[in-house]
Structures are given as structure tokens and as C-alpha cells.
Amino acid sequence: MATVENTDGTAGGAPDGVRRRDFINIAAVSFAGVGAAAVVYPLVNQMNPSADVLALASAEVDVSQIQPGQAIKTIWRKQPVFIRNLTEKEIAEANAVSVGSLRDPQTLAERTKEGKANWLITLGVCTHLGCVPLGAAEGENKGEFGGYFCPCHGSHYDTAARIRKGPAPKNLEVPEYEFTSDTVVQIG
């Protein structure tokens, strides 16, 4: 009986182990995978936020100087943020509103932190077309409902920054925030 010699030098029918062709296939696929990763990584990485945006990812604000009934405007992620210390009267007015009558139904408790119902923190950007509403600074027009008034198209917000009148579809947005102490709030 004659033996057949394979091109890789082994004798007989099926060779044992990995053949040279299998090794070349595995090497080629591995090389292509590494090449694809080298091409895709920069494309995905460029979608990450830039360093200046990451630096503004959170902001700490000392609220100890804000008296009841006052509001301040600060900046977070290049957008205005309103921080308002609500009076007992403003809290009562907000709680007296029937939630079912609101365009974007939310209670004051849903818009503030438990135990800190007097602190209302919202983005100062009208939900209609992105104008900055009035009402945070002393003497500014607070609208018909005592909260904020957007002069661009006439949206009126109440003391809980909920839309009550005008073209704005939603309430002023409440960003993520937490109180790190009794007098310091961290936004973001």
C-alpha cells in the first residue's frame, strides 16, 4: 500500500493539528480585526465630550445668601440656571394649583427635593424656542403667575416654574442636583 504525502510534509489522509492554511486564515482575520479596531476607535472617540465640557459637568453653588423670595441666575454647561428660595406663600400658591389643569402636570414636590421644598432649581431656558425668561433678577417681570416670564413669545410660568400661559409646551426643566450641605448645592 502506498502512502500519500501532504504538501505540509505529513503522511497519510487527514493531518493532525493546525494546517498551514488554517494558520494563515486565522492570522489574516486577526490582522483585519485589529485594523478595523484601529479605524473605528478614533471615530467613536471623537464623539466623547471635549475637555471644556467635562470641566463644566457639575457646578457647586453656595445658596446661603439667597433670602426667601429671591432668585439668582448662574451658569452650568453654558446654560443659565435659576435657583429660587421660595417663600411659604409661593409654596402655598404652587401647591394650591390643580395639577390636572396644567399643560405639563407636575407638583411642586416632584420638582424639588424632599425636605428642601423651598429650593427650586431649574434651567433658565424657555421650552418654546430657548429664550431666557425674566424673573430671576430683582425688579424683572415675573409674569401673571409670579414665577417667570419669557419676553420672546409671552410664556408665563408660575412660582414652581410650570408653564401656565403662552406657547411653551413644557415646564422649565429641573436639572439633576443634590445638596452636599445645608448651604451648598451641586448641579450636575
C-alpha atoms as a PDB file:
ATOM      1  CA  MET A   1       0.000   0.000   0.000  1.00  0.00           C
ATOM      2  CA  ALA A   2       1.337   3.428  -0.949  1.00  0.00           C
ATOM      3  CA  THR A   3       1.248   6.433   1.362  1.00  0.00           C
ATOM      4  CA  VAL A   4       0.299   9.850   0.113  1.00  0.00           C
ATOM      5  CA  GLU A   5       2.403  12.753   1.287  1.00  0.00           C
ATOM      6  CA  ASN A   6       0.627  16.063   2.001  1.00  0.00           C
ATOM      7  CA  THR A   7       2.089  19.391   0.983  1.00  0.00           C
ATOM      8  CA  ASP A   8       2.952  20.113   4.600  1.00  0.00           C
ATOM      9  CA  GLY A   9       5.085  17.006   4.830  1.00  0.00           C
ATOM     10  CA  THR A  10       2.750  14.793   6.857  1.00  0.00           C
ATOM     11  CA  ALA A  11       1.947  11.354   5.660  1.00  0.00           C
ATOM     12  CA  GLY A  12      -1.484   9.920   5.134  1.00  0.00           C
ATOM     13  CA  GLY A  13      -5.015  11.314   4.825  1.00  0.00           C
ATOM     14  CA  ALA A  14      -6.133  13.980   7.363  1.00  0.00           C
ATOM     15  CA  PRO A  15      -3.276  15.813   9.087  1.00  0.00           C
ATOM     16  CA  ASP A  16      -3.194  16.191  12.855  1.00  0.00           C
ATOM     17  CA  GLY A  17      -3.268  19.703  14.395  1.00  0.00           C
ATOM     18  CA  VAL A  18      -3.411  23.023  12.572  1.00  0.00           C
ATOM     19  CA  ARG A  19      -2.519  23.135   8.926  1.00  0.00           C
ATOM     20  CA  ARG A  20      -0.585  25.994   7.386  1.00  0.00           C
ATOM     21  CA  ARG A  21      -3.729  27.216   5.553  1.00  0.00           C
ATOM     22  CA  ASP A  22      -5.670  27.388   8.843  1.00  0.00           C
ATOM     23  CA  PHE A  23      -2.870  29.383  10.434  1.00  0.00           C
ATOM     24  CA  ILE A  24      -2.824  31.867   7.535  1.00  0.00           C
ATOM     25  CA  ASN A  25      -6.633  32.268   7.736  1.00  0.00           C
ATOM     26  CA  ILE A  26      -6.537  32.889  11.498  1.00  0.00           C
ATOM     27  CA  ALA A  27      -3.674  35.378  11.111  1.00  0.00           C
ATOM     28  CA  ALA A  28      -5.469  37.254   8.313  1.00  0.00           C
ATOM     29  CA  VAL A  29      -8.727  37.514  10.264  1.00  0.00           C
ATOM     30  CA  SER A  30      -6.868  38.675  13.390  1.00  0.00           C
ATOM     31  CA  PHE A  31      -4.963  41.289  11.391  1.00  0.00           C
ATOM     32  CA  ALA A  32      -8.225  42.550   9.831  1.00  0.00           C
ATOM     33  CA  GLY A  33      -9.864  42.752  13.289  1.00  0.00           C
ATOM     34  CA  VAL A  34      -7.007  44.798  14.711  1.00  0.00           C
ATOM     35  CA  GLY A  35      -7.094  47.062  11.643  1.00  0.00           C
ATOM     36  CA  ALA A  36     -10.857  47.586  11.962  1.00  0.00           C
ATOM     37  CA  ALA A  37     -10.488  48.462  15.653  1.00  0.00           C
ATOM     38  CA  ALA A  38      -7.711  50.921  14.802  1.00  0.00           C
ATOM     39  CA  VAL A  39     -10.005  52.637  12.289  1.00  0.00           C
ATOM     40  CA  VAL A  40     -13.203  52.612  14.412  1.00  0.00           C
ATOM     41  CA  TYR A  41     -11.680  53.795  17.729  1.00  0.00           C
ATOM     42  CA  PRO A  42     -10.902  57.381  16.582  1.00  0.00           C
ATOM     43  CA  LEU A  43     -14.373  57.672  15.036  1.00  0.00           C
ATOM     44  CA  VAL A  44     -16.077  56.621  18.268  1.00  0.00           C
ATOM     45  CA  ASN A  45     -13.670  58.574  20.488  1.00  0.00           C
ATOM     46  CA  GLN A  46     -14.361  61.858  18.677  1.00  0.00           C
ATOM     47  CA  MET A  47     -17.987  61.622  19.879  1.00  0.00           C
ATOM     48  CA  ASN A  48     -16.896  61.905  23.534  1.00  0.00           C
ATOM     49  CA  PRO A  49     -17.363  65.301  25.184  1.00  0.00           C
ATOM     50  CA  SER A  50     -14.439  67.680  24.956  1.00  0.00           C
ATOM     51  CA  ALA A  51     -12.344  68.625  27.981  1.00  0.00           C
ATOM     52  CA  ASP A  52     -14.013  72.029  28.374  1.00  0.00           C
ATOM     53  CA  VAL A  53     -17.450  70.388  28.523  1.00  0.00           C
ATOM     54  CA  LEU A  54     -16.268  67.818  31.064  1.00  0.00           C
ATOM     55  CA  ALA A  55     -14.908  70.630  33.206  1.00  0.00           C
ATOM     56  CA  LEU A  56     -18.407  72.122  33.326  1.00  0.00           C
ATOM     57  CA  ALA A  57     -20.093  68.782  34.056  1.00  0.00           C
ATOM     58  CA  SER A  58     -21.059  69.939  37.525  1.00  0.00           C
ATOM     59  CA  ALA A  59     -21.196  73.216  39.394  1.00  0.00           C
ATOM     60  CA  GLU A  60     -21.339  73.948  43.110  1.00  0.00           C
ATOM     61  CA  VAL A  61     -23.334  76.945  44.276  1.00  0.00           C
ATOM     62  CA  ASP A  62     -23.456  78.441  47.776  1.00  0.00           C
ATOM     63  CA  VAL A  63     -27.112  79.291  48.423  1.00  0.00           C
ATOM     64  CA  SER A  64     -26.651  80.684  51.946  1.00  0.00           C
ATOM     65  CA  GLN A  65     -27.021  84.327  50.803  1.00  0.00           C
ATOM     66  CA  ILE A  66     -30.307  83.814  48.882  1.00  0.00           C
ATOM     67  CA  GLN A  67     -33.144  85.161  51.006  1.00  0.00           C
ATOM     68  CA  PRO A  68     -36.698  83.764  50.827  1.00  0.00           C
ATOM     69  CA  GLY A  69     -38.389  85.229  47.753  1.00  0.00           C
ATOM     70  CA  GLN A  70     -35.088  85.858  45.967  1.00  0.00           C
ATOM     71  CA  ALA A  71     -33.603  84.045  42.981  1.00  0.00           C
ATOM     72  CA  ILE A  72     -30.193  84.013  41.365  1.00  0.00           C
ATOM     73  CA  LYS A  73     -29.025  83.121  37.906  1.00  0.00           C
ATOM     74  CA  THR A  74     -25.880  81.021  37.493  1.00  0.00           C
ATOM     75  CA  ILE A  75     -24.294  79.161  34.590  1.00  0.00           C
ATOM     76  CA  TRP A  76     -23.988  75.392  34.171  1.00  0.00           C
ATOM     77  CA  ARG A  77     -22.922  73.754  30.895  1.00  0.00           C
ATOM     78  CA  LYS A  78     -23.079  77.159  29.217  1.00  0.00           C
ATOM     79  CA  GLN A  79     -26.786  77.469  30.075  1.00  0.00           C
ATOM     80  CA  PRO A  80     -28.468  79.700  32.650  1.00  0.00           C
ATOM     81  CA  VAL A  81     -29.783  78.060  35.810  1.00  0.00           C
ATOM     82  CA  PHE A  82     -32.302  79.717  38.125  1.00  0.00           C
ATOM     83  CA  ILE A  83     -32.038  78.967  41.850  1.00  0.00           C
ATOM     84  CA  ARG A  84     -35.013  80.301  43.778  1.00  0.00           C
ATOM     85  CA  ASN A  85     -35.666  80.308  47.526  1.00  0.00           C
ATOM     86  CA  LEU A  86     -39.458  80.090  47.649  1.00  0.00           C
ATOM     87  CA  THR A  87     -41.432  81.809  50.385  1.00  0.00           C
ATOM     88  CA  GLU A  88     -44.153  79.999  52.323  1.00  0.00           C
ATOM     89  CA  LYS A  89     -46.710  81.987  50.309  1.00  0.00           C
ATOM     90  CA  GLU A  90     -45.153  80.920  46.974  1.00  0.00           C
ATOM     91  CA  ILE A  91     -45.097  77.290  48.126  1.00  0.00           C
ATOM     92  CA  ALA A  92     -48.766  77.511  49.153  1.00  0.00           C
ATOM     93  CA  GLU A  93     -49.701  79.106  45.800  1.00  0.00           C
ATOM     94  CA  ALA A  94     -47.893  76.350  43.889  1.00  0.00           C
ATOM     95  CA  ASN A  95     -49.499  73.601  45.955  1.00  0.00           C
ATOM     96  CA  ALA A  96     -52.981  75.158  45.554  1.00  0.00           C
ATOM     97  CA  VAL A  97     -52.917  74.742  41.761  1.00  0.00           C
ATOM     98  CA  SER A  98     -54.878  71.751  40.456  1.00  0.00           C
ATOM     99  CA  VAL A  99     -52.292  69.567  38.738  1.00  0.00           C
ATOM    100  CA  GLY A 100     -54.934  68.375  36.272  1.00  0.00           C
ATOM    101  CA  SER A 101     -55.316  71.916  34.936  1.00  0.00           C
ATOM    102  CA  LEU A 102     -51.639  72.160  33.957  1.00  0.00           C
ATOM    103  CA  ARG A 103     -50.337  71.631  30.422  1.00  0.00           C
ATOM    104  CA  ASP A 104     -47.336  69.721  31.801  1.00  0.00           C
ATOM    105  CA  PRO A 105     -48.710  68.289  35.077  1.00  0.00           C
ATOM    106  CA  GLN A 106     -46.165  68.238  37.911  1.00  0.00           C
ATOM    107  CA  THR A 107     -46.484  69.018  41.592  1.00  0.00           C
ATOM    108  CA  LEU A 108     -44.021  71.248  43.403  1.00  0.00           C
ATOM    109  CA  ALA A 109     -42.869  68.173  45.353  1.00  0.00           C
ATOM    110  CA  GLU A 110     -41.921  66.476  42.067  1.00  0.00           C
ATOM    111  CA  ARG A 111     -39.817  69.485  41.099  1.00  0.00           C
ATOM    112  CA  THR A 112     -37.929  69.893  44.408  1.00  0.00           C
ATOM    113  CA  LYS A 113     -36.002  67.639  46.787  1.00  0.00           C
ATOM    114  CA  GLU A 114     -37.640  66.161  49.864  1.00  0.00           C
ATOM    115  CA  GLY A 115     -37.009  68.357  52.870  1.00  0.00           C
ATOM    116  CA  LYS A 116     -35.895  71.229  50.607  1.00  0.00           C
ATOM    117  CA  ALA A 117     -39.273  72.242  49.122  1.00  0.00           C
ATOM    118  CA  ASN A 118     -38.294  75.910  49.327  1.00  0.00           C
ATOM    119  CA  TRP A 119     -35.400  75.464  46.859  1.00  0.00           C
ATOM    120  CA  LEU A 120     -36.497  75.417  43.214  1.00  0.00           C
ATOM    121  CA  ILE A 121     -33.671  74.824  40.750  1.00  0.00           C
ATOM    122  CA  THR A 122     -34.448  74.958  37.021  1.00  0.00           C
ATOM    123  CA  LEU A 123     -32.699  75.552  33.734  1.00  0.00           C
ATOM    124  CA  GLY A 124     -33.323  79.143  32.667  1.00  0.00           C
ATOM    125  CA  VAL A 125     -34.257  78.182  29.122  1.00  0.00           C
ATOM    126  CA  CYS A 126     -37.812  78.576  27.823  1.00  0.00           C
ATOM    127  CA  THR A 127     -39.111  75.292  26.450  1.00  0.00           C
ATOM    128  CA  HIS A 128     -40.686  77.051  23.472  1.00  0.00           C
ATOM    129  CA  LEU A 129     -37.693  78.320  21.483  1.00  0.00           C
ATOM    130  CA  GLY A 130     -34.875  78.532  24.023  1.00  0.00           C
ATOM    131  CA  CYS A 131     -35.027  82.174  25.144  1.00  0.00           C
ATOM    132  CA  VAL A 132     -34.017  83.108  28.691  1.00  0.00           C
ATOM    133  CA  PRO A 133     -37.099  84.018  30.771  1.00  0.00           C
ATOM    134  CA  LEU A 134     -37.210  87.009  33.111  1.00  0.00           C
ATOM    135  CA  GLY A 135     -37.970  86.774  36.810  1.00  0.00           C
ATOM    136  CA  ALA A 136     -34.715  85.712  38.443  1.00  0.00           C
ATOM    137  CA  ALA A 137     -33.307  89.203  38.989  1.00  0.00           C
ATOM    138  CA  GLU A 138     -34.751  91.888  41.265  1.00  0.00           C
ATOM    139  CA  GLY A 139     -37.397  94.007  39.515  1.00  0.00           C
ATOM    140  CA  GLU A 140     -37.800  91.795  36.451  1.00  0.00           C
ATOM    141  CA  ASN A 141     -41.230  90.924  35.077  1.00  0.00           C
ATOM    142  CA  LYS A 142     -42.327  87.647  36.698  1.00  0.00           C
ATOM    143  CA  GLY A 143     -45.423  87.198  34.544  1.00  0.00           C
ATOM    144  CA  GLU A 144     -49.045  86.779  35.530  1.00  0.00           C
ATOM    145  CA  PHE A 145     -48.354  83.862  37.886  1.00  0.00           C
ATOM    146  CA  GLY A 146     -45.407  85.293  39.851  1.00  0.00           C
ATOM    147  CA  GLY A 147     -42.750  82.937  38.514  1.00  0.00           C
ATOM    148  CA  TYR A 148     -41.010  83.651  35.220  1.00  0.00           C
ATOM    149  CA  PHE A 149     -41.962  85.428  32.003  1.00  0.00           C
ATOM    150  CA  CYS A 150     -40.401  84.763  28.616  1.00  0.00           C
ATOM    151  CA  PRO A 151     -40.354  88.033  26.660  1.00  0.00           C
ATOM    152  CA  CYS A 152     -39.718  86.366  23.297  1.00  0.00           C
ATOM    153  CA  HIS A 153     -43.204  84.894  22.807  1.00  0.00           C
ATOM    154  CA  GLY A 154     -45.065  85.558  26.058  1.00  0.00           C
ATOM    155  CA  SER A 155     -44.867  82.296  28.016  1.00  0.00           C
ATOM    156  CA  HIS A 156     -45.828  82.678  31.699  1.00  0.00           C
ATOM    157  CA  TYR A 157     -44.548  80.292  34.381  1.00  0.00           C
ATOM    158  CA  ASP A 158     -45.813  80.033  37.964  1.00  0.00           C
ATOM    159  CA  THR A 159     -43.797  80.012  41.202  1.00  0.00           C
ATOM    160  CA  ALA A 160     -42.923  76.328  40.603  1.00  0.00           C
ATOM    161  CA  ALA A 161     -41.655  77.195  37.074  1.00  0.00           C
ATOM    162  CA  ARG A 162     -44.580  75.338  35.488  1.00  0.00           C
ATOM    163  CA  ILE A 163     -45.997  76.617  32.203  1.00  0.00           C
ATOM    164  CA  ARG A 164     -49.352  78.306  32.751  1.00  0.00           C
ATOM    165  CA  LYS A 165     -49.883  80.504  29.689  1.00  0.00           C
ATOM    166  CA  GLY A 166     -48.263  81.007  26.296  1.00  0.00           C
ATOM    167  CA  PRO A 167     -46.731  78.799  23.612  1.00  0.00           C
ATOM    168  CA  ALA A 168     -44.181  76.881  25.721  1.00  0.00           C
ATOM    169  CA  PRO A 169     -45.100  73.173  25.691  1.00  0.00           C
ATOM    170  CA  LYS A 170     -43.362  72.099  28.925  1.00  0.00           C
ATOM    171  CA  ASN A 171     -42.299  73.352  32.339  1.00  0.00           C
ATOM    172  CA  LEU A 172     -38.811  74.755  32.838  1.00  0.00           C
ATOM    173  CA  GLU A 173     -36.533  71.740  33.118  1.00  0.00           C
ATOM    174  CA  VAL A 174     -35.194  70.668  36.505  1.00  0.00           C
ATOM    175  CA  PRO A 175     -31.560  69.521  36.153  1.00  0.00           C
ATOM    176  CA  GLU A 176     -30.006  66.788  38.260  1.00  0.00           C
ATOM    177  CA  TYR A 177     -28.803  68.291  41.522  1.00  0.00           C
ATOM    178  CA  GLU A 178     -28.140  67.423  45.137  1.00  0.00           C
ATOM    179  CA  PHE A 179     -27.439  69.315  48.316  1.00  0.00           C
ATOM    180  CA  THR A 180     -23.925  68.499  49.528  1.00  0.00           C
ATOM    181  CA  SER A 181     -24.598  70.501  52.709  1.00  0.00           C
ATOM    182  CA  ASP A 182     -27.341  72.767  54.046  1.00  0.00           C
ATOM    183  CA  THR A 183     -25.936  75.710  52.077  1.00  0.00           C
ATOM    184  CA  VAL A 184     -24.242  74.158  49.026  1.00  0.00           C
ATOM    185  CA  VAL A 185     -25.960  72.599  46.038  1.00  0.00           C
ATOM    186  CA  GLN A 186     -24.161  70.645  43.326  1.00  0.00           C
ATOM    187  CA  ILE A 187     -25.773  70.821  39.909  1.00  0.00           C
ATOM    188  CA  GLY A 188     -24.977  68.019  37.501  1.00  0.00           C
END
